Amino acid sequence: MKKITLKLLVSLLISTLLFSCSSEDDGIFIGSETSEVKDIPLTYTAFEYEVLGLVNNYRETQGLSSLSTLNLVSKEAESHTNYMIEKGEINHHNFGSRSQNLIQNASAILVAENVAYGFATAQGVVDAWLKSDSHRKNIENSSFTDFGISTEKDEKGNYYYTHIFIKR
């Protein structure tokens, strides 16, 4: 009887290990912190560099580390900025897809996004984000390691912004 019970327990343990859900199945992603990310070539405008610089300067005044620019993040931001221009509205549509792309391609384990519309200066958009609790929380999140930006004008000359933050 003991041999049968032991065999059943071993079989149950092996079955549990083979057929249990992975951490990815429960909506939680834990990425490998050692995976190497191969970044892509991308160019930035002086305006985009200014926004990134202002955000990093602000973070430093708050005792936070500067974030590194990661082109893969900016590429996701660029696709969303173009989508917003096409729709004629600011939104966070398809954020899950952008997050998943960054999880897979940039080893992100946390992703957040700020969007904006209509600000004509880098200081103006950064000031607006800092006046908004939810946007400021993204900027001040000490977990983030990298960020990316996209600024584009629509046909009327109005700016659209997508600023994405990741932790890897």
N, C-alpha and C. Protein backbone atom coordinates (compact mmCIF):
# COMPACT_ATOMS: atom_id res chain seq x y z
N MET A 1 0.81 -1.19 0.00
CA MET A 1 0.00 0.00 0.00
C MET A 1 0.86 1.27 0.00
N LYS A 2 1.98 1.22 0.77
CA LYS A 2 2.86 2.38 0.83
C LYS A 2 3.49 2.65 -0.52
N LYS A 3 3.84 1.59 -1.29
CA LYS A 3 4.45 1.78 -2.60
C LYS A 3 3.45 2.44 -3.55
N ILE A 4 2.19 2.04 -3.49
CA ILE A 4 1.16 2.62 -4.36
C ILE A 4 0.96 4.09 -4.00
N THR A 5 0.88 4.40 -2.72
CA THR A 5 0.71 5.78 -2.28
C THR A 5 1.90 6.63 -2.70
N LEU A 6 3.09 6.12 -2.54
CA LEU A 6 4.29 6.85 -2.94
C LEU A 6 4.30 7.08 -4.45
N LYS A 7 3.95 6.06 -5.24
CA LYS A 7 3.89 6.21 -6.70
C LYS A 7 2.84 7.24 -7.09
N LEU A 8 1.70 7.24 -6.41
CA LEU A 8 0.66 8.22 -6.70
C LEU A 8 1.13 9.65 -6.39
N LEU A 9 1.81 9.80 -5.27
CA LEU A 9 2.32 11.12 -4.89
C LEU A 9 3.37 11.61 -5.89
N VAL A 10 4.27 10.73 -6.29
CA VAL A 10 5.29 11.10 -7.27
C VAL A 10 4.63 11.46 -8.60
N SER A 11 3.65 10.66 -9.03
CA SER A 11 2.94 10.94 -10.28
C SER A 11 2.21 12.27 -10.21
N LEU A 12 1.58 12.54 -9.09
CA LEU A 12 0.86 13.80 -8.91
C LEU A 12 1.83 14.99 -8.95
N LEU A 13 2.97 14.86 -8.29
CA LEU A 13 3.97 15.92 -8.29
C LEU A 13 4.49 16.19 -9.70
N ILE A 14 4.81 15.13 -10.43
CA ILE A 14 5.32 15.28 -11.80
C ILE A 14 4.24 15.90 -12.68
N SER A 15 3.01 15.47 -12.56
CA SER A 15 1.90 16.04 -13.34
C SER A 15 1.72 17.51 -13.04
N THR A 16 1.81 17.86 -11.78
CA THR A 16 1.66 19.26 -11.40
C THR A 16 2.75 20.11 -12.01
N LEU A 17 3.97 19.62 -11.97
CA LEU A 17 5.08 20.38 -12.54
C LEU A 17 4.98 20.50 -14.05
N LEU A 18 4.52 19.46 -14.71
CA LEU A 18 4.43 19.48 -16.17
C LEU A 18 3.26 20.29 -16.68
N PHE A 19 2.17 20.33 -15.96
CA PHE A 19 0.95 20.93 -16.49
C PHE A 19 0.50 22.19 -15.76
N SER A 20 1.28 22.69 -14.84
CA SER A 20 0.87 23.90 -14.12
C SER A 20 1.06 25.11 -15.02
N CYS A 21 0.40 26.20 -14.66
CA CYS A 21 0.50 27.44 -15.42
C CYS A 21 1.83 28.11 -15.16
N SER A 22 2.34 28.75 -16.15
CA SER A 22 3.57 29.52 -15.97
C SER A 22 3.20 30.90 -15.44
N SER A 23 4.19 31.67 -15.01
CA SER A 23 3.92 33.01 -14.49
C SER A 23 3.34 33.91 -15.58
N GLU A 24 3.62 33.62 -16.85
CA GLU A 24 3.08 34.44 -17.93
C GLU A 24 1.59 34.22 -18.13
N ASP A 25 1.08 33.07 -17.70
CA ASP A 25 -0.33 32.78 -17.87
C ASP A 25 -1.22 33.57 -16.92
N ASP A 26 -0.67 34.06 -15.82
CA ASP A 26 -1.49 34.77 -14.86
C ASP A 26 -1.46 36.29 -15.04
N GLY A 27 -0.96 36.75 -16.16
CA GLY A 27 -0.94 38.18 -16.45
C GLY A 27 0.24 38.91 -15.83
N ILE A 28 1.14 38.18 -15.22
CA ILE A 28 2.32 38.78 -14.62
C ILE A 28 3.52 38.33 -15.42
N PHE A 29 4.34 39.28 -15.82
CA PHE A 29 5.54 38.93 -16.57
C PHE A 29 6.75 39.27 -15.72
N ILE A 30 7.60 38.30 -15.54
CA ILE A 30 8.86 38.52 -14.86
C ILE A 30 9.94 38.24 -15.88
N GLY A 31 10.57 39.30 -16.34
CA GLY A 31 11.57 39.16 -17.39
C GLY A 31 12.93 38.82 -16.82
N SER A 32 13.77 38.40 -17.70
CA SER A 32 15.14 38.10 -17.32
C SER A 32 15.92 39.40 -17.27
N GLU A 33 16.52 39.68 -16.15
CA GLU A 33 17.27 40.92 -16.02
C GLU A 33 18.63 40.84 -16.69
N THR A 34 19.02 39.66 -17.15
CA THR A 34 20.33 39.52 -17.76
C THR A 34 20.28 39.46 -19.29
N SER A 35 19.09 39.46 -19.87
CA SER A 35 19.03 39.34 -21.32
C SER A 35 19.55 40.61 -21.97
N GLU A 36 20.29 40.42 -23.04
CA GLU A 36 20.89 41.53 -23.78
C GLU A 36 19.87 42.05 -24.79
N VAL A 37 19.75 43.36 -24.87
CA VAL A 37 18.83 43.99 -25.80
C VAL A 37 19.62 44.56 -26.95
N LYS A 38 19.24 44.19 -28.15
CA LYS A 38 19.87 44.75 -29.34
C LYS A 38 18.99 45.91 -29.81
N ASP A 39 19.50 47.12 -29.62
CA ASP A 39 18.74 48.30 -29.96
C ASP A 39 18.78 48.53 -31.48
N ILE A 40 17.90 49.40 -31.95
CA ILE A 40 17.79 49.70 -33.37
C ILE A 40 18.27 51.13 -33.63
N PRO A 41 18.67 51.43 -34.86
CA PRO A 41 19.05 52.82 -35.16
C PRO A 41 17.79 53.68 -35.28
N LEU A 42 17.86 54.88 -34.75
CA LEU A 42 16.74 55.81 -34.80
C LEU A 42 17.29 57.21 -34.61
N THR A 43 16.73 58.18 -35.28
CA THR A 43 17.17 59.56 -35.10
C THR A 43 16.12 60.34 -34.31
N TYR A 44 16.60 61.32 -33.60
CA TYR A 44 15.74 62.18 -32.78
C TYR A 44 15.86 63.61 -33.25
N THR A 45 14.79 64.36 -33.07
CA THR A 45 14.85 65.79 -33.35
C THR A 45 15.43 66.50 -32.13
N ALA A 46 15.89 67.72 -32.34
CA ALA A 46 16.38 68.52 -31.22
C ALA A 46 15.27 68.73 -30.20
N PHE A 47 14.05 68.86 -30.68
CA PHE A 47 12.88 69.04 -29.82
C PHE A 47 12.69 67.81 -28.90
N GLU A 48 12.82 66.61 -29.47
CA GLU A 48 12.68 65.39 -28.67
C GLU A 48 13.80 65.27 -27.64
N TYR A 49 15.03 65.60 -28.04
CA TYR A 49 16.14 65.60 -27.08
C TYR A 49 15.87 66.59 -25.95
N GLU A 50 15.25 67.71 -26.27
CA GLU A 50 14.96 68.70 -25.25
C GLU A 50 13.95 68.16 -24.23
N VAL A 51 12.90 67.50 -24.71
CA VAL A 51 11.91 66.91 -23.79
C VAL A 51 12.59 65.88 -22.89
N LEU A 52 13.37 64.98 -23.48
CA LEU A 52 14.06 63.95 -22.70
C LEU A 52 15.00 64.58 -21.67
N GLY A 53 15.71 65.61 -22.08
CA GLY A 53 16.63 66.30 -21.17
C GLY A 53 15.89 66.96 -20.01
N LEU A 54 14.77 67.60 -20.30
CA LEU A 54 13.99 68.24 -19.24
C LEU A 54 13.46 67.22 -18.24
N VAL A 55 13.02 66.08 -18.73
CA VAL A 55 12.52 65.02 -17.84
C VAL A 55 13.66 64.51 -16.96
N ASN A 56 14.81 64.25 -17.55
CA ASN A 56 15.95 63.78 -16.76
C ASN A 56 16.43 64.84 -15.76
N ASN A 57 16.45 66.10 -16.18
CA ASN A 57 16.83 67.18 -15.25
C ASN A 57 15.88 67.22 -14.06
N TYR A 58 14.59 67.10 -14.32
CA TYR A 58 13.61 67.09 -13.24
C TYR A 58 13.85 65.90 -12.32
N ARG A 59 14.04 64.72 -12.89
CA ARG A 59 14.29 63.53 -12.07
C ARG A 59 15.49 63.74 -11.15
N GLU A 60 16.54 64.33 -11.68
CA GLU A 60 17.74 64.57 -10.88
C GLU A 60 17.45 65.53 -9.72
N THR A 61 16.59 66.54 -9.94
CA THR A 61 16.24 67.46 -8.84
C THR A 61 15.45 66.75 -7.75
N GLN A 62 14.85 65.63 -8.10
CA GLN A 62 14.07 64.84 -7.14
C GLN A 62 14.90 63.73 -6.52
N GLY A 63 16.20 63.70 -6.82
CA GLY A 63 17.08 62.68 -6.28
C GLY A 63 16.96 61.34 -6.98
N LEU A 64 16.42 61.34 -8.18
CA LEU A 64 16.24 60.12 -8.96
C LEU A 64 17.32 60.02 -10.03
N SER A 65 17.58 58.81 -10.47
CA SER A 65 18.59 58.63 -11.51
C SER A 65 18.02 59.05 -12.87
N SER A 66 18.93 59.43 -13.75
CA SER A 66 18.55 59.74 -15.13
C SER A 66 18.17 58.45 -15.83
N LEU A 67 17.30 58.58 -16.81
CA LEU A 67 16.90 57.43 -17.61
C LEU A 67 17.70 57.41 -18.91
N SER A 68 17.97 56.23 -19.41
CA SER A 68 18.66 56.06 -20.68
C SER A 68 17.64 56.03 -21.81
N THR A 69 18.00 56.64 -22.92
CA THR A 69 17.14 56.59 -24.09
C THR A 69 17.35 55.26 -24.79
N LEU A 70 16.26 54.56 -25.05
CA LEU A 70 16.31 53.28 -25.74
C LEU A 70 15.48 53.41 -27.02
N ASN A 71 16.12 53.25 -28.17
CA ASN A 71 15.45 53.45 -29.45
C ASN A 71 14.26 52.53 -29.65
N LEU A 72 14.32 51.31 -29.14
CA LEU A 72 13.18 50.40 -29.26
C LEU A 72 11.93 50.99 -28.60
N VAL A 73 12.14 51.70 -27.50
CA VAL A 73 11.02 52.34 -26.80
C VAL A 73 10.49 53.50 -27.65
N SER A 74 11.40 54.28 -28.20
CA SER A 74 10.98 55.41 -29.03
C SER A 74 10.25 54.95 -30.29
N LYS A 75 10.63 53.80 -30.83
CA LYS A 75 9.95 53.27 -32.02
C LYS A 75 8.50 52.94 -31.69
N GLU A 76 8.25 52.36 -30.51
CA GLU A 76 6.87 52.10 -30.08
C GLU A 76 6.12 53.42 -29.88
N ALA A 77 6.80 54.40 -29.30
CA ALA A 77 6.19 55.71 -29.10
C ALA A 77 5.83 56.34 -30.45
N GLU A 78 6.72 56.21 -31.41
CA GLU A 78 6.50 56.79 -32.73
C GLU A 78 5.26 56.20 -33.41
N SER A 79 5.11 54.89 -33.31
CA SER A 79 3.94 54.28 -33.95
C SER A 79 2.65 54.76 -33.29
N HIS A 80 2.69 54.97 -31.97
CA HIS A 80 1.48 55.45 -31.30
C HIS A 80 1.20 56.92 -31.62
N THR A 81 2.23 57.73 -31.68
CA THR A 81 2.03 59.13 -32.04
C THR A 81 1.39 59.24 -33.42
N ASN A 82 1.88 58.47 -34.37
CA ASN A 82 1.29 58.48 -35.72
C ASN A 82 -0.15 58.00 -35.70
N TYR A 83 -0.45 57.02 -34.85
CA TYR A 83 -1.83 56.53 -34.70
C TYR A 83 -2.73 57.64 -34.16
N MET A 84 -2.26 58.36 -33.15
CA MET A 84 -3.07 59.45 -32.58
C MET A 84 -3.33 60.53 -33.62
N ILE A 85 -2.32 60.87 -34.41
CA ILE A 85 -2.51 61.87 -35.47
C ILE A 85 -3.55 61.39 -36.47
N GLU A 86 -3.46 60.13 -36.84
CA GLU A 86 -4.43 59.55 -37.78
C GLU A 86 -5.85 59.62 -37.21
N LYS A 87 -6.01 59.35 -35.92
CA LYS A 87 -7.32 59.38 -35.27
C LYS A 87 -7.75 60.80 -34.92
N GLY A 88 -6.79 61.73 -34.83
CA GLY A 88 -7.12 63.10 -34.47
C GLY A 88 -7.46 63.26 -33.00
N GLU A 89 -6.90 62.42 -32.13
CA GLU A 89 -7.17 62.50 -30.70
C GLU A 89 -6.01 61.89 -29.91
N ILE A 90 -5.86 62.35 -28.67
CA ILE A 90 -4.86 61.72 -27.81
C ILE A 90 -5.55 60.58 -27.08
N ASN A 91 -4.82 59.49 -26.91
CA ASN A 91 -5.38 58.31 -26.28
C ASN A 91 -4.27 57.35 -25.89
N HIS A 92 -4.68 56.29 -25.22
CA HIS A 92 -3.75 55.21 -24.86
C HIS A 92 -4.18 53.91 -25.55
N HIS A 93 -4.90 54.01 -26.66
CA HIS A 93 -5.35 52.82 -27.37
C HIS A 93 -4.17 51.89 -27.64
N ASN A 94 -4.41 50.61 -27.54
CA ASN A 94 -3.41 49.57 -27.86
C ASN A 94 -2.17 49.62 -26.97
N PHE A 95 -2.31 50.18 -25.77
CA PHE A 95 -1.17 50.23 -24.86
C PHE A 95 -0.68 48.82 -24.54
N GLY A 96 -1.60 47.88 -24.42
CA GLY A 96 -1.21 46.49 -24.14
C GLY A 96 -0.30 45.92 -25.20
N SER A 97 -0.56 46.24 -26.44
CA SER A 97 0.29 45.76 -27.54
C SER A 97 1.68 46.39 -27.47
N ARG A 98 1.73 47.69 -27.19
CA ARG A 98 3.03 48.35 -27.06
C ARG A 98 3.82 47.75 -25.89
N SER A 99 3.13 47.54 -24.79
CA SER A 99 3.79 46.95 -23.62
C SER A 99 4.33 45.56 -23.94
N GLN A 100 3.52 44.75 -24.59
CA GLN A 100 3.94 43.39 -24.93
C GLN A 100 5.14 43.40 -25.87
N ASN A 101 5.13 44.31 -26.84
CA ASN A 101 6.29 44.44 -27.74
C ASN A 101 7.55 44.79 -26.97
N LEU A 102 7.41 45.68 -25.99
CA LEU A 102 8.59 46.07 -25.21
C LEU A 102 9.02 44.97 -24.24
N ILE A 103 8.09 44.21 -23.75
CA ILE A 103 8.43 43.06 -22.91
C ILE A 103 9.24 42.05 -23.73
N GLN A 104 8.79 41.80 -24.94
CA GLN A 104 9.45 40.81 -25.79
C GLN A 104 10.77 41.31 -26.38
N ASN A 105 10.81 42.57 -26.79
CA ASN A 105 11.96 43.06 -27.55
C ASN A 105 12.96 43.89 -26.75
N ALA A 106 12.53 44.44 -25.62
CA ALA A 106 13.41 45.29 -24.83
C ALA A 106 13.61 44.76 -23.41
N SER A 107 13.14 43.54 -23.16
CA SER A 107 13.24 42.93 -21.83
C SER A 107 12.59 43.77 -20.74
N ALA A 108 11.53 44.50 -21.09
CA ALA A 108 10.83 45.32 -20.11
C ALA A 108 10.08 44.44 -19.12
N ILE A 109 10.06 44.88 -17.87
CA ILE A 109 9.24 44.19 -16.88
C ILE A 109 8.20 45.15 -16.29
N LEU A 110 8.28 46.42 -16.67
CA LEU A 110 7.30 47.42 -16.28
C LEU A 110 7.28 48.47 -17.38
N VAL A 111 6.06 48.89 -17.78
CA VAL A 111 5.91 49.86 -18.86
C VAL A 111 4.85 50.88 -18.46
N ALA A 112 5.11 52.15 -18.75
CA ALA A 112 4.12 53.22 -18.53
C ALA A 112 4.25 54.22 -19.67
N GLU A 113 3.22 55.04 -19.81
CA GLU A 113 3.17 55.94 -20.97
C GLU A 113 2.50 57.26 -20.60
N ASN A 114 3.07 58.36 -21.08
CA ASN A 114 2.44 59.68 -21.02
C ASN A 114 2.18 60.13 -22.46
N VAL A 115 1.02 60.71 -22.68
CA VAL A 115 0.71 61.29 -23.99
C VAL A 115 0.27 62.74 -23.79
N ALA A 116 0.35 63.52 -24.85
CA ALA A 116 -0.07 64.91 -24.79
C ALA A 116 -0.36 65.41 -26.19
N TYR A 117 -0.99 66.59 -26.24
CA TYR A 117 -1.35 67.19 -27.52
C TYR A 117 -1.29 68.71 -27.39
N GLY A 118 -0.78 69.36 -28.43
CA GLY A 118 -0.95 70.79 -28.59
C GLY A 118 0.11 71.68 -27.98
N PHE A 119 0.98 71.18 -27.15
CA PHE A 119 1.99 72.04 -26.53
C PHE A 119 3.06 72.38 -27.56
N ALA A 120 3.38 73.65 -27.67
CA ALA A 120 4.31 74.11 -28.70
C ALA A 120 5.76 74.08 -28.26
N THR A 121 6.00 73.92 -26.94
CA THR A 121 7.37 73.90 -26.45
C THR A 121 7.61 72.66 -25.60
N ALA A 122 8.87 72.27 -25.53
CA ALA A 122 9.24 71.13 -24.69
C ALA A 122 8.95 71.43 -23.23
N GLN A 123 9.29 72.63 -22.78
CA GLN A 123 9.02 73.01 -21.39
C GLN A 123 7.53 72.98 -21.10
N GLY A 124 6.72 73.40 -22.06
CA GLY A 124 5.26 73.41 -21.88
C GLY A 124 4.69 72.02 -21.65
N VAL A 125 5.11 71.05 -22.45
CA VAL A 125 4.57 69.70 -22.29
C VAL A 125 5.08 69.06 -21.01
N VAL A 126 6.36 69.28 -20.68
CA VAL A 126 6.90 68.70 -19.44
C VAL A 126 6.21 69.33 -18.23
N ASP A 127 6.02 70.63 -18.24
CA ASP A 127 5.31 71.29 -17.13
C ASP A 127 3.89 70.74 -16.98
N ALA A 128 3.21 70.52 -18.09
CA ALA A 128 1.85 69.97 -18.03
C ALA A 128 1.86 68.56 -17.43
N TRP A 129 2.80 67.73 -17.83
CA TRP A 129 2.89 66.38 -17.26
C TRP A 129 3.18 66.45 -15.76
N LEU A 130 4.03 67.38 -15.36
CA LEU A 130 4.38 67.48 -13.94
C LEU A 130 3.21 68.01 -13.09
N LYS A 131 2.30 68.75 -13.69
CA LYS A 131 1.12 69.25 -12.97
C LYS A 131 0.03 68.19 -12.84
N SER A 132 0.14 67.11 -13.58
CA SER A 132 -0.83 66.01 -13.55
C SER A 132 -0.30 64.90 -12.66
N ASP A 133 -1.07 64.51 -11.64
CA ASP A 133 -0.60 63.48 -10.70
C ASP A 133 -0.18 62.20 -11.40
N SER A 134 -1.01 61.70 -12.31
CA SER A 134 -0.69 60.41 -12.94
C SER A 134 0.52 60.50 -13.86
N HIS A 135 0.66 61.59 -14.59
CA HIS A 135 1.81 61.75 -15.47
C HIS A 135 3.09 61.96 -14.65
N ARG A 136 2.98 62.76 -13.60
CA ARG A 136 4.15 63.00 -12.74
C ARG A 136 4.61 61.70 -12.07
N LYS A 137 3.67 60.84 -11.68
CA LYS A 137 4.05 59.56 -11.07
C LYS A 137 4.89 58.73 -12.03
N ASN A 138 4.56 58.75 -13.30
CA ASN A 138 5.38 58.03 -14.28
C ASN A 138 6.78 58.63 -14.35
N ILE A 139 6.85 59.95 -14.40
CA ILE A 139 8.15 60.62 -14.49
C ILE A 139 8.98 60.37 -13.24
N GLU A 140 8.34 60.34 -12.08
CA GLU A 140 9.04 60.19 -10.81
C GLU A 140 9.23 58.74 -10.37
N ASN A 141 8.77 57.78 -11.14
CA ASN A 141 8.88 56.38 -10.73
C ASN A 141 10.35 55.96 -10.71
N SER A 142 10.83 55.63 -9.52
CA SER A 142 12.26 55.29 -9.37
C SER A 142 12.61 53.93 -9.96
N SER A 143 11.61 53.13 -10.31
CA SER A 143 11.87 51.81 -10.89
C SER A 143 12.32 51.88 -12.35
N PHE A 144 11.92 52.93 -13.05
CA PHE A 144 12.20 52.99 -14.48
C PHE A 144 13.70 53.15 -14.75
N THR A 145 14.14 52.52 -15.83
CA THR A 145 15.55 52.55 -16.22
C THR A 145 15.77 53.22 -17.57
N ASP A 146 14.76 53.18 -18.43
CA ASP A 146 14.89 53.67 -19.81
C ASP A 146 13.61 54.39 -20.22
N PHE A 147 13.73 55.19 -21.26
CA PHE A 147 12.55 55.82 -21.83
C PHE A 147 12.75 56.07 -23.31
N GLY A 148 11.64 56.49 -23.94
CA GLY A 148 11.67 56.84 -25.35
C GLY A 148 10.60 57.88 -25.60
N ILE A 149 10.73 58.58 -26.71
CA ILE A 149 9.82 59.70 -27.01
C ILE A 149 9.53 59.75 -28.50
N SER A 150 8.37 60.29 -28.80
CA SER A 150 8.03 60.64 -30.17
C SER A 150 7.21 61.91 -30.13
N THR A 151 7.61 62.89 -30.93
CA THR A 151 6.84 64.11 -31.11
C THR A 151 6.64 64.30 -32.60
N GLU A 152 5.41 64.51 -32.98
CA GLU A 152 5.10 64.72 -34.40
C GLU A 152 4.05 65.81 -34.51
N LYS A 153 4.10 66.56 -35.59
CA LYS A 153 3.08 67.57 -35.87
C LYS A 153 2.05 67.00 -36.83
N ASP A 154 0.79 67.38 -36.61
CA ASP A 154 -0.26 67.02 -37.57
C ASP A 154 -0.25 68.04 -38.71
N GLU A 155 -1.17 67.91 -39.65
CA GLU A 155 -1.19 68.80 -40.81
C GLU A 155 -1.49 70.25 -40.45
N LYS A 156 -2.05 70.49 -39.25
CA LYS A 156 -2.34 71.85 -38.80
C LYS A 156 -1.18 72.45 -38.00
N GLY A 157 -0.12 71.66 -37.80
CA GLY A 157 1.04 72.14 -37.06
C GLY A 157 0.96 71.93 -35.56
N ASN A 158 -0.02 71.12 -35.09
CA ASN A 158 -0.15 70.83 -33.67
C ASN A 158 0.66 69.59 -33.30
N TYR A 159 1.38 69.67 -32.19
CA TYR A 159 2.21 68.55 -31.74
C TYR A 159 1.40 67.48 -31.02
N TYR A 160 1.76 66.24 -31.28
CA TYR A 160 1.30 65.07 -30.52
C TYR A 160 2.53 64.44 -29.90
N TYR A 161 2.38 63.97 -28.67
CA TYR A 161 3.50 63.41 -27.92
C TYR A 161 3.16 62.03 -27.36
N THR A 162 4.11 61.13 -27.45
CA THR A 162 4.04 59.85 -26.73
C THR A 162 5.40 59.67 -26.05
N HIS A 163 5.36 59.49 -24.74
CA HIS A 163 6.57 59.32 -23.93
C HIS A 163 6.40 58.02 -23.15
N ILE A 164 7.23 57.02 -23.42
CA ILE A 164 7.10 55.71 -22.79
C ILE A 164 8.30 55.45 -21.88
N PHE A 165 8.00 54.90 -20.71
CA PHE A 165 9.00 54.57 -19.70
C PHE A 165 9.00 53.05 -19.49
N ILE A 166 10.19 52.48 -19.30
CA ILE A 166 10.26 51.05 -18.98
C ILE A 166 11.25 50.78 -17.86
N LYS A 167 11.04 49.67 -17.21
CA LYS A 167 12.02 49.11 -16.30
C LYS A 167 12.48 47.79 -16.93
N ARG A 168 13.78 47.59 -16.98
CA ARG A 168 14.29 46.30 -17.43
C ARG A 168 15.35 45.79 -16.51
